[in-house]
């Protein structure tokens, strides 16, 4: 009852059992093992299997490569072993894999996007209720492009958990006055100001970013419905500023790429993913695309002596069976 898993990209074969004590030490294999365990907990009769996988999602670049792997295997195991687990629970299995087998106290957004993605659409997800809504994303005359700084981050060893603790500390302070508050999305700036002296300056900044970002999400959804991509781009820049100066999860390379985007007339640019390296995602007018890419590459090499990678983005459907 063994799993033999082969990573084509890493040229690495790992074999492991399906019991709790059989956890592999290899980092990428922990994701597959964790999904197996979480699917077993959800009543799926997972048995031994052979598997090989490859992908073109950049690793450690803020593109949710781990969620892609988790969601793929949750979907595949559910199908292979005739499970009856719905897509909501498959997303939760991926999230639980991060919590229980990888050591990252992540949310559910990345796994949800990997499973529920829809071509030509962006998702607005309520992570509390898991209610979701699709918004049209058909930016005629614009292109989405990722610029990968090739600065790598491993989420578990980053400050992700520290940021979460900051938010929870502010919520605890708010609850003394407003017991109905469960998380920062329930608060507003007036409430936050009332507890400014009861939390650290650092935690206060983190909360400022989160509360502003919640409103930005709503603003972007309104803009998408109107086909107003200039406002979408403006909000992307606002998000980058907040992630850089308030939440402090950007880095010199990403701030540099964001500045180049502004100088090149790019409509919108921001950190992609958890920060601390990885990519910026950019909304660029077609006529500015070639100049922006050339300028970004040239300036980045001159500054950091390392060429960035460029990925054109297509919004596609989520996990699915191809044949």
Foldseek 3Di string as FASTA:
>chain_A
DKEWEAEPVVRDIDIFAQDPVGQDPDQLVLLLSLLSNLVVVVVQPDDYDYYYDYDDQDAQQLRPPSLLVQLQNLVVSCVVRVNDDDLVSSLVSSQVSCVPRVPANDASVSNSCQAFFAFQWDKDADSVVRDIDTFGHDQVQKFKKKWALPQGDDRNPDCNVVLVVLQVQLQVQLCVVVVVDDGLCVDAPVSLVVCCVVHDPLSSLSSVLVNVVVVLVVVLRVCRNVSNVLSVQVSQLVNQCSVCPRVNQADPLQVVLQVLCVVLVFSHWHRRHRYPGHIIMTIGGPVSVVVSQVSSQVVSCVVPVDGIDMDTDGRHGHHDDDD
